[in-house]
Amino acid sequence: LGMSSRWAINGHTDRRLDYQIWCGPAMGAFNAWTAGSFLAEPANRTVAQVAKNLLEGAAVLTRAHQFRTYGVDVPIQAFDFRPRRLV
């Protein structure tokens, strides 16, 4: 177990099934965010789709927060951006 991340870093293909990639809580949060969406399937997680969804989500949430700071009554649903297929 102690060598599993080193095997991945060094590319030891004979230990490929034992690879361990350290990612902290971010991967769990990402998986929770993508659950129930088309990005739940790892095969759909292209760099372009993930990046576009992260950027779109950040823009949507920033805009909703801006409106709220201006005193607009923003519904809570505006802060719940879910991944979707983006061109």
PDB file of N, CA and C in Angstrom:
ATOM      1  N   LEU A   1       0.830  -1.200   0.000  1.00  0.00           N
ATOM      2  CA  LEU A   1       0.000   0.000   0.000  1.00  0.00           C
ATOM      3  C   LEU A   1       0.867   1.253   0.000  1.00  0.00           C
ATOM      4  N   GLY A   2       1.954   1.230   0.742  1.00  0.00           N
ATOM      5  CA  GLY A   2       2.817   2.396   0.818  1.00  0.00           C
ATOM      6  C   GLY A   2       3.478   2.752  -0.496  1.00  0.00           C
ATOM      7  N   MET A   3       3.602   1.785  -1.386  1.00  0.00           N
ATOM      8  CA  MET A   3       4.255   2.023  -2.671  1.00  0.00           C
ATOM      9  C   MET A   3       3.268   2.310  -3.797  1.00  0.00           C
ATOM     10  N   SER A   4       1.978   2.175  -3.535  1.00  0.00           N
ATOM     11  CA  SER A   4       0.988   2.248  -4.611  1.00  0.00           C
ATOM     12  C   SER A   4       0.984   3.583  -5.346  1.00  0.00           C
ATOM     13  N   SER A   5       1.178   4.680  -4.647  1.00  0.00           N
ATOM     14  CA  SER A   5       1.216   5.970  -5.348  1.00  0.00           C
ATOM     15  C   SER A   5       2.516   6.113  -6.132  1.00  0.00           C
ATOM     16  N   ARG A   6       3.603   5.571  -5.610  1.00  0.00           N
ATOM     17  CA  ARG A   6       4.879   5.637  -6.328  1.00  0.00           C
ATOM     18  C   ARG A   6       4.834   4.798  -7.608  1.00  0.00           C
ATOM     19  N   TRP A   7       4.154   3.641  -7.552  1.00  0.00           N
ATOM     20  CA  TRP A   7       4.016   2.824  -8.763  1.00  0.00           C
ATOM     21  C   TRP A   7       3.299   3.615  -9.850  1.00  0.00           C
ATOM     22  N   ALA A   8       2.274   4.357  -9.468  1.00  0.00           N
ATOM     23  CA  ALA A   8       1.538   5.169 -10.444  1.00  0.00           C
ATOM     24  C   ALA A   8       2.420   6.278 -11.002  1.00  0.00           C
ATOM     25  N   ILE A   9       3.129   6.954 -10.128  1.00  0.00           N
ATOM     26  CA  ILE A   9       3.998   8.064 -10.558  1.00  0.00           C
ATOM     27  C   ILE A   9       5.082   7.572 -11.510  1.00  0.00           C
ATOM     28  N   ASN A  10       5.673   6.421 -11.174  1.00  0.00           N
ATOM     29  CA  ASN A  10       6.768   5.884 -11.981  1.00  0.00           C
ATOM     30  C   ASN A  10       6.295   5.062 -13.175  1.00  0.00           C
ATOM     31  N   GLY A  11       4.993   4.820 -13.272  1.00  0.00           N
ATOM     32  CA  GLY A  11       4.443   4.112 -14.420  1.00  0.00           C
ATOM     33  C   GLY A  11       4.754   2.632 -14.470  1.00  0.00           C
ATOM     34  N   HIS A  12       4.822   1.978 -13.322  1.00  0.00           N
ATOM     35  CA  HIS A  12       5.063   0.527 -13.278  1.00  0.00           C
ATOM     36  C   HIS A  12       3.813  -0.198 -13.777  1.00  0.00           C
ATOM     37  N   THR A  13       3.810  -0.548 -15.056  1.00  0.00           N
ATOM     38  CA  THR A  13       2.615  -1.147 -15.659  1.00  0.00           C
ATOM     39  C   THR A  13       2.281  -2.514 -15.078  1.00  0.00           C
ATOM     40  N   ASP A  14       3.262  -3.236 -14.551  1.00  0.00           N
ATOM     41  CA  ASP A  14       2.976  -4.537 -13.955  1.00  0.00           C
ATOM     42  C   ASP A  14       2.185  -4.407 -12.651  1.00  0.00           C
ATOM     43  N   ARG A  15       2.142  -3.205 -12.067  1.00  0.00           N
ATOM     44  CA  ARG A  15       1.373  -2.962 -10.836  1.00  0.00           C
ATOM     45  C   ARG A  15       0.186  -2.039 -11.093  1.00  0.00           C
ATOM     46  N   ARG A  16      -0.239  -1.936 -12.345  1.00  0.00           N
ATOM     47  CA  ARG A  16      -1.296  -1.001 -12.742  1.00  0.00           C
ATOM     48  C   ARG A  16      -2.577  -1.157 -11.916  1.00  0.00           C
ATOM     49  N   LEU A  17      -2.970  -2.370 -11.608  1.00  0.00           N
ATOM     50  CA  LEU A  17      -4.189  -2.589 -10.819  1.00  0.00           C
ATOM     51  C   LEU A  17      -4.043  -2.112  -9.379  1.00  0.00           C
ATOM     52  N   ASP A  18      -2.819  -1.890  -8.949  1.00  0.00           N
ATOM     53  CA  ASP A  18      -2.568  -1.455  -7.574  1.00  0.00           C
ATOM     54  C   ASP A  18      -2.333   0.050  -7.448  1.00  0.00           C
ATOM     55  N   TYR A  19      -2.413   0.783  -8.563  1.00  0.00           N
ATOM     56  CA  TYR A  19      -2.161   2.227  -8.523  1.00  0.00           C
ATOM     57  C   TYR A  19      -3.087   2.913  -7.530  1.00  0.00           C
ATOM     58  N   GLN A  20      -2.552   3.901  -6.845  1.00  0.00           N
ATOM     59  CA  GLN A  20      -3.361   4.742  -5.972  1.00  0.00           C
ATOM     60  C   GLN A  20      -3.004   6.187  -6.292  1.00  0.00           C
ATOM     61  N   ILE A  21      -4.002   6.966  -6.612  1.00  0.00           N
ATOM     62  CA  ILE A  21      -3.800   8.372  -6.946  1.00  0.00           C
ATOM     63  C   ILE A  21      -4.376   9.206  -5.805  1.00  0.00           C
ATOM     64  N   TRP A  22      -3.552  10.031  -5.185  1.00  0.00           N
ATOM     65  CA  TRP A  22      -3.999  10.879  -4.077  1.00  0.00           C
ATOM     66  C   TRP A  22      -4.697  12.114  -4.630  1.00  0.00           C
ATOM     67  N   CYS A  23      -5.898  12.359  -4.164  1.00  0.00           N
ATOM     68  CA  CYS A  23      -6.636  13.519  -4.668  1.00  0.00           C
ATOM     69  C   CYS A  23      -7.370  14.273  -3.562  1.00  0.00           C
ATOM     70  N   GLY A  24      -7.384  13.774  -2.353  1.00  0.00           N
ATOM     71  CA  GLY A  24      -8.068  14.460  -1.267  1.00  0.00           C
ATOM     72  C   GLY A  24      -9.573  14.465  -1.470  1.00  0.00           C
ATOM     73  N   PRO A  25     -10.278  15.368  -0.804  1.00  0.00           N
ATOM     74  CA  PRO A  25     -11.739  15.389  -0.879  1.00  0.00           C
ATOM     75  C   PRO A  25     -12.287  15.943  -2.192  1.00  0.00           C
ATOM     76  N   ALA A  26     -11.448  16.542  -3.015  1.00  0.00           N
ATOM     77  CA  ALA A  26     -11.935  17.160  -4.253  1.00  0.00           C
ATOM     78  C   ALA A  26     -12.583  16.149  -5.188  1.00  0.00           C
ATOM     79  N   MET A  27     -12.025  14.967  -5.303  1.00  0.00           N
ATOM     80  CA  MET A  27     -12.591  13.970  -6.218  1.00  0.00           C
ATOM     81  C   MET A  27     -13.956  13.503  -5.737  1.00  0.00           C
ATOM     82  N   GLY A  28     -14.108  13.341  -4.433  1.00  0.00           N
ATOM     83  CA  GLY A  28     -15.412  12.964  -3.889  1.00  0.00           C
ATOM     84  C   GLY A  28     -16.454  14.043  -4.137  1.00  0.00           C
ATOM     85  N   ALA A  29     -16.061  15.298  -3.975  1.00  0.00           N
ATOM     86  CA  ALA A  29     -16.983  16.408  -4.231  1.00  0.00           C
ATOM     87  C   ALA A  29     -17.349  16.457  -5.713  1.00  0.00           C
ATOM     88  N   PHE A  30     -16.375  16.230  -6.577  1.00  0.00           N
ATOM     89  CA  PHE A  30     -16.647  16.214  -8.019  1.00  0.00           C
ATOM     90  C   PHE A  30     -17.605  15.083  -8.371  1.00  0.00           C
ATOM     91  N   ASN A  31     -17.370  13.893  -7.821  1.00  0.00           N
ATOM     92  CA  ASN A  31     -18.260  12.759  -8.096  1.00  0.00           C
ATOM     93  C   ASN A  31     -19.673  13.027  -7.593  1.00  0.00           C
ATOM     94  N   ALA A  32     -19.805  13.677  -6.445  1.00  0.00           N
ATOM     95  CA  ALA A  32     -21.138  14.025  -5.927  1.00  0.00           C
ATOM     96  C   ALA A  32     -21.818  15.030  -6.855  1.00  0.00           C
ATOM     97  N   TRP A  33     -21.058  15.988  -7.360  1.00  0.00           N
ATOM     98  CA  TRP A  33     -21.604  17.009  -8.260  1.00  0.00           C
ATOM     99  C   TRP A  33     -22.067  16.395  -9.577  1.00  0.00           C
ATOM    100  N   THR A  34     -21.338  15.417 -10.082  1.00  0.00           N
ATOM    101  CA  THR A  34     -21.683  14.813 -11.369  1.00  0.00           C
ATOM    102  C   THR A  34     -22.720  13.698 -11.258  1.00  0.00           C
ATOM    103  N   ALA A  35     -23.011  13.245 -10.056  1.00  0.00           N
ATOM    104  CA  ALA A  35     -23.966  12.142  -9.873  1.00  0.00           C
ATOM    105  C   ALA A  35     -25.307  12.488 -10.517  1.00  0.00           C
ATOM    106  N   GLY A  36     -25.827  11.566 -11.291  1.00  0.00           N
ATOM    107  CA  GLY A  36     -27.111  11.776 -11.954  1.00  0.00           C
ATOM    108  C   GLY A  36     -27.030  12.576 -13.240  1.00  0.00           C
ATOM    109  N   SER A  37     -25.848  13.028 -13.610  1.00  0.00           N
ATOM    110  CA  SER A  37     -25.690  13.785 -14.855  1.00  0.00           C
ATOM    111  C   SER A  37     -24.943  12.922 -15.871  1.00  0.00           C
ATOM    112  N   PHE A  38     -24.792  13.440 -17.077  1.00  0.00           N
ATOM    113  CA  PHE A  38     -24.070  12.687 -18.095  1.00  0.00           C
ATOM    114  C   PHE A  38     -22.598  12.522 -17.730  1.00  0.00           C
ATOM    115  N   LEU A  39     -22.070  13.376 -16.851  1.00  0.00           N
ATOM    116  CA  LEU A  39     -20.676  13.258 -16.419  1.00  0.00           C
ATOM    117  C   LEU A  39     -20.477  12.200 -15.336  1.00  0.00           C
ATOM    118  N   ALA A  40     -21.554  11.581 -14.890  1.00  0.00           N
ATOM    119  CA  ALA A  40     -21.414  10.502 -13.906  1.00  0.00           C
ATOM    120  C   ALA A  40     -20.638   9.339 -14.515  1.00  0.00           C
ATOM    121  N   GLU A  41     -20.786   9.154 -15.806  1.00  0.00           N
ATOM    122  CA  GLU A  41     -20.058   8.093 -16.514  1.00  0.00           C
ATOM    123  C   GLU A  41     -18.660   8.610 -16.856  1.00  0.00           C
ATOM    124  N   PRO A  42     -17.596   8.014 -16.297  1.00  0.00           N
ATOM    125  CA  PRO A  42     -16.236   8.508 -16.549  1.00  0.00           C
ATOM    126  C   PRO A  42     -15.876   8.634 -18.026  1.00  0.00           C
ATOM    127  N   ALA A  43     -16.448   7.813 -18.885  1.00  0.00           N
ATOM    128  CA  ALA A  43     -16.142   7.900 -20.319  1.00  0.00           C
ATOM    129  C   ALA A  43     -16.575   9.237 -20.913  1.00  0.00           C
ATOM    130  N   ASN A  44     -17.529   9.913 -20.290  1.00  0.00           N
ATOM    131  CA  ASN A  44     -18.005  11.214 -20.781  1.00  0.00           C
ATOM    132  C   ASN A  44     -17.198  12.385 -20.236  1.00  0.00           C
ATOM    133  N   ARG A  45     -16.251  12.120 -19.381  1.00  0.00           N
ATOM    134  CA  ARG A  45     -15.486  13.184 -18.726  1.00  0.00           C
ATOM    135  C   ARG A  45     -14.296  13.617 -19.577  1.00  0.00           C
ATOM    136  N   THR A  46     -14.583  14.232 -20.686  1.00  0.00           N
ATOM    137  CA  THR A  46     -13.494  14.766 -21.502  1.00  0.00           C
ATOM    138  C   THR A  46     -13.006  16.055 -20.853  1.00  0.00           C
ATOM    139  N   VAL A  47     -11.788  16.407 -21.153  1.00  0.00           N
ATOM    140  CA  VAL A  47     -11.230  17.639 -20.598  1.00  0.00           C
ATOM    141  C   VAL A  47     -12.104  18.826 -20.975  1.00  0.00           C
ATOM    142  N   ALA A  48     -12.548  18.867 -22.225  1.00  0.00           N
ATOM    143  CA  ALA A  48     -13.358  19.993 -22.693  1.00  0.00           C
ATOM    144  C   ALA A  48     -14.692  20.069 -21.953  1.00  0.00           C
ATOM    145  N   GLN A  49     -15.393  18.936 -21.804  1.00  0.00           N
ATOM    146  CA  GLN A  49     -16.698  18.960 -21.131  1.00  0.00           C
ATOM    147  C   GLN A  49     -16.567  19.316 -19.653  1.00  0.00           C
ATOM    148  N   VAL A  50     -15.579  18.759 -18.982  1.00  0.00           N
ATOM    149  CA  VAL A  50     -15.390  19.074 -17.561  1.00  0.00           C
ATOM    150  C   VAL A  50     -15.035  20.551 -17.403  1.00  0.00           C
ATOM    151  N   ALA A  51     -14.097  21.040 -18.207  1.00  0.00           N
ATOM    152  CA  ALA A  51     -13.680  22.439 -18.108  1.00  0.00           C
ATOM    153  C   ALA A  51     -14.834  23.390 -18.408  1.00  0.00           C
ATOM    154  N   LYS A  52     -15.588  23.111 -19.472  1.00  0.00           N
ATOM    155  CA  LYS A  52     -16.714  23.985 -19.827  1.00  0.00           C
ATOM    156  C   LYS A  52     -17.771  24.007 -18.730  1.00  0.00           C
ATOM    157  N   ASN A  53     -18.040  22.853 -18.127  1.00  0.00           N
ATOM    158  CA  ASN A  53     -19.034  22.806 -17.058  1.00  0.00           C
ATOM    159  C   ASN A  53     -18.547  23.521 -15.804  1.00  0.00           C
ATOM    160  N   LEU A  54     -17.277  23.386 -15.474  1.00  0.00           N
ATOM    161  CA  LEU A  54     -16.740  24.105 -14.316  1.00  0.00           C
ATOM    162  C   LEU A  54     -16.802  25.617 -14.539  1.00  0.00           C
ATOM    163  N   LEU A  55     -16.417  26.059 -15.731  1.00  0.00           N
ATOM    164  CA  LEU A  55     -16.446  27.496 -16.030  1.00  0.00           C
ATOM    165  C   LEU A  55     -17.871  28.036 -16.099  1.00  0.00           C
ATOM    166  N   GLU A  56     -18.755  27.291 -16.762  1.00  0.00           N
ATOM    167  CA  GLU A  56     -20.157  27.716 -16.850  1.00  0.00           C
ATOM    168  C   GLU A  56     -20.782  27.783 -15.457  1.00  0.00           C
ATOM    169  N   GLY A  57     -20.520  26.756 -14.655  1.00  0.00           N
ATOM    170  CA  GLY A  57     -21.052  26.734 -13.291  1.00  0.00           C
ATOM    171  C   GLY A  57     -20.536  27.892 -12.459  1.00  0.00           C
ATOM    172  N   ALA A  58     -19.246  28.182 -12.579  1.00  0.00           N
ATOM    173  CA  ALA A  58     -18.674  29.305 -11.836  1.00  0.00           C
ATOM    174  C   ALA A  58     -19.310  30.623 -12.265  1.00  0.00           C
ATOM    175  N   ALA A  59     -19.533  30.795 -13.564  1.00  0.00           N
ATOM    176  CA  ALA A  59     -20.157  32.023 -14.065  1.00  0.00           C
ATOM    177  C   ALA A  59     -21.593  32.158 -13.572  1.00  0.00           C
ATOM    178  N   VAL A  60     -22.351  31.063 -13.622  1.00  0.00           N
ATOM    179  CA  VAL A  60     -23.752  31.086 -13.177  1.00  0.00           C
ATOM    180  C   VAL A  60     -23.830  31.414 -11.688  1.00  0.00           C
ATOM    181  N   LEU A  61     -23.009  30.755 -10.883  1.00  0.00           N
ATOM    182  CA  LEU A  61     -23.040  30.994  -9.436  1.00  0.00           C
ATOM    183  C   LEU A  61     -22.566  32.401  -9.080  1.00  0.00           C
ATOM    184  N   THR A  62     -21.562  32.894  -9.793  1.00  0.00           N
ATOM    185  CA  THR A  62     -21.082  34.254  -9.546  1.00  0.00           C
ATOM    186  C   THR A  62     -22.168  35.271  -9.862  1.00  0.00           C
ATOM    187  N   ARG A  63     -22.850  35.068 -10.979  1.00  0.00           N
ATOM    188  CA  ARG A  63     -23.920  35.992 -11.372  1.00  0.00           C
ATOM    189  C   ARG A  63     -25.061  35.974 -10.359  1.00  0.00           C
ATOM    190  N   ALA A  64     -25.459  34.785  -9.918  1.00  0.00           N
ATOM    191  CA  ALA A  64     -26.529  34.680  -8.922  1.00  0.00           C
ATOM    192  C   ALA A  64     -26.119  35.376  -7.627  1.00  0.00           C
ATOM    193  N   HIS A  65     -24.868  35.198  -7.228  1.00  0.00           N
ATOM    194  CA  HIS A  65     -24.395  35.854  -6.006  1.00  0.00           C
ATOM    195  C   HIS A  65     -24.360  37.376  -6.177  1.00  0.00           C
ATOM    196  N   GLN A  66     -23.951  37.845  -7.353  1.00  0.00           N
ATOM    197  CA  GLN A  66     -23.950  39.284  -7.610  1.00  0.00           C
ATOM    198  C   GLN A  66     -25.347  39.863  -7.464  1.00  0.00           C
ATOM    199  N   PHE A  67     -26.326  39.213  -8.063  1.00  0.00           N
ATOM    200  CA  PHE A  67     -27.706  39.690  -7.943  1.00  0.00           C
ATOM    201  C   PHE A  67     -28.147  39.726  -6.488  1.00  0.00           C
ATOM    202  N   ARG A  68     -27.785  38.702  -5.741  1.00  0.00           N
ATOM    203  CA  ARG A  68     -28.168  38.648  -4.329  1.00  0.00           C
ATOM    204  C   ARG A  68     -27.537  39.808  -3.550  1.00  0.00           C
ATOM    205  N   THR A  69     -26.283  40.141  -3.844  1.00  0.00           N
ATOM    206  CA  THR A  69     -25.646  41.258  -3.138  1.00  0.00           C
ATOM    207  C   THR A  69     -26.278  42.596  -3.507  1.00  0.00           C
ATOM    208  N   TYR A  70     -26.929  42.658  -4.675  1.00  0.00           N
ATOM    209  CA  TYR A  70     -27.634  43.872  -5.086  1.00  0.00           C
ATOM    210  C   TYR A  70     -29.028  43.956  -4.493  1.00  0.00           C
ATOM    211  N   GLY A  71     -29.399  42.960  -3.697  1.00  0.00           N
ATOM    212  CA  GLY A  71     -30.698  42.972  -3.048  1.00  0.00           C
ATOM    213  C   GLY A  71     -31.793  42.242  -3.791  1.00  0.00           C
ATOM    214  N   VAL A  72     -31.452  41.599  -4.899  1.00  0.00           N
ATOM    215  CA  VAL A  72     -32.446  40.843  -5.659  1.00  0.00           C
ATOM    216  C   VAL A  72     -32.748  39.549  -4.907  1.00  0.00           C
ATOM    217  N   ASP A  73     -34.023  39.198  -4.827  1.00  0.00           N
ATOM    218  CA  ASP A  73     -34.432  37.954  -4.179  1.00  0.00           C
ATOM    219  C   ASP A  73     -34.182  36.798  -5.150  1.00  0.00           C
ATOM    220  N   VAL A  74     -33.031  36.179  -5.020  1.00  0.00           N
ATOM    221  CA  VAL A  74     -32.625  35.108  -5.926  1.00  0.00           C
ATOM    222  C   VAL A  74     -33.057  33.766  -5.334  1.00  0.00           C
ATOM    223  N   PRO A  75     -33.801  32.966  -6.097  1.00  0.00           N
ATOM    224  CA  PRO A  75     -34.223  31.660  -5.576  1.00  0.00           C
ATOM    225  C   PRO A  75     -33.023  30.740  -5.357  1.00  0.00           C
ATOM    226  N   ILE A  76     -33.128  29.889  -4.367  1.00  0.00           N
ATOM    227  CA  ILE A  76     -32.034  28.986  -4.014  1.00  0.00           C
ATOM    228  C   ILE A  76     -31.648  28.077  -5.184  1.00  0.00           C
ATOM    229  N   GLN A  77     -32.602  27.783  -6.068  1.00  0.00           N
ATOM    230  CA  GLN A  77     -32.313  26.926  -7.216  1.00  0.00           C
ATOM    231  C   GLN A  77     -31.268  27.541  -8.147  1.00  0.00           C
ATOM    232  N   ALA A  78     -31.133  28.847  -8.117  1.00  0.00           N
ATOM    233  CA  ALA A  78     -30.150  29.518  -8.968  1.00  0.00           C
ATOM    234  C   ALA A  78     -28.722  29.166  -8.563  1.00  0.00           C
ATOM    235  N   PHE A  79     -28.553  28.645  -7.353  1.00  0.00           N
ATOM    236  CA  PHE A  79     -27.230  28.288  -6.857  1.00  0.00           C
ATOM    237  C   PHE A  79     -26.945  26.795  -7.001  1.00  0.00           C
ATOM    238  N   ASP A  80     -27.767  26.094  -7.741  1.00  0.00           N
ATOM    239  CA  ASP A  80     -27.613  24.649  -7.918  1.00  0.00           C
ATOM    240  C   ASP A  80     -27.355  24.340  -9.388  1.00  0.00           C
ATOM    241  N   PHE A  81     -26.134  24.574  -9.831  1.00  0.00           N
ATOM    242  CA  PHE A  81     -25.766  24.305 -11.226  1.00  0.00           C
ATOM    243  C   PHE A  81     -25.378  22.839 -11.364  1.00  0.00           C
ATOM    244  N   ARG A  82     -26.009  22.153 -12.295  1.00  0.00           N
ATOM    245  CA  ARG A  82     -25.719  20.744 -12.570  1.00  0.00           C
ATOM    246  C   ARG A  82     -25.045  20.612 -13.930  1.00  0.00           C
ATOM    247  N   PRO A  83     -24.115  19.684 -14.065  1.00  0.00           N
ATOM    248  CA  PRO A  83     -23.437  19.501 -15.350  1.00  0.00           C
ATOM    249  C   PRO A  83     -24.414  19.171 -16.472  1.00  0.00           C
ATOM    250  N   ARG A  84     -24.114  19.691 -17.647  1.00  0.00           N
ATOM    251  CA  ARG A  84     -24.909  19.395 -18.840  1.00  0.00           C
ATOM    252  C   ARG A  84     -23.978  19.423 -20.048  1.00  0.00           C
ATOM    253  N   ARG A  85     -24.413  18.808 -21.111  1.00  0.00           N
ATOM    254  CA  ARG A  85     -23.583  18.788 -22.325  1.00  0.00           C
ATOM    255  C   ARG A  85     -23.474  20.204 -22.879  1.00  0.00           C
ATOM    256  N   LEU A  86     -22.257  20.658 -23.027  1.00  0.00           N
ATOM    257  CA  LEU A  86     -22.009  21.993 -23.560  1.00  0.00           C
ATOM    258  C   LEU A  86     -21.215  21.859 -24.851  1.00  0.00           C
ATOM    259  N   VAL A  87     -21.516  22.718 -25.798  1.00  0.00           N
ATOM    260  CA  VAL A  87     -20.863  22.656 -27.112  1.00  0.00           C
ATOM    261  C   VAL A  87     -19.455  23.182 -27.018  1.00  0.00           C
TER     262      VAL A  87
END
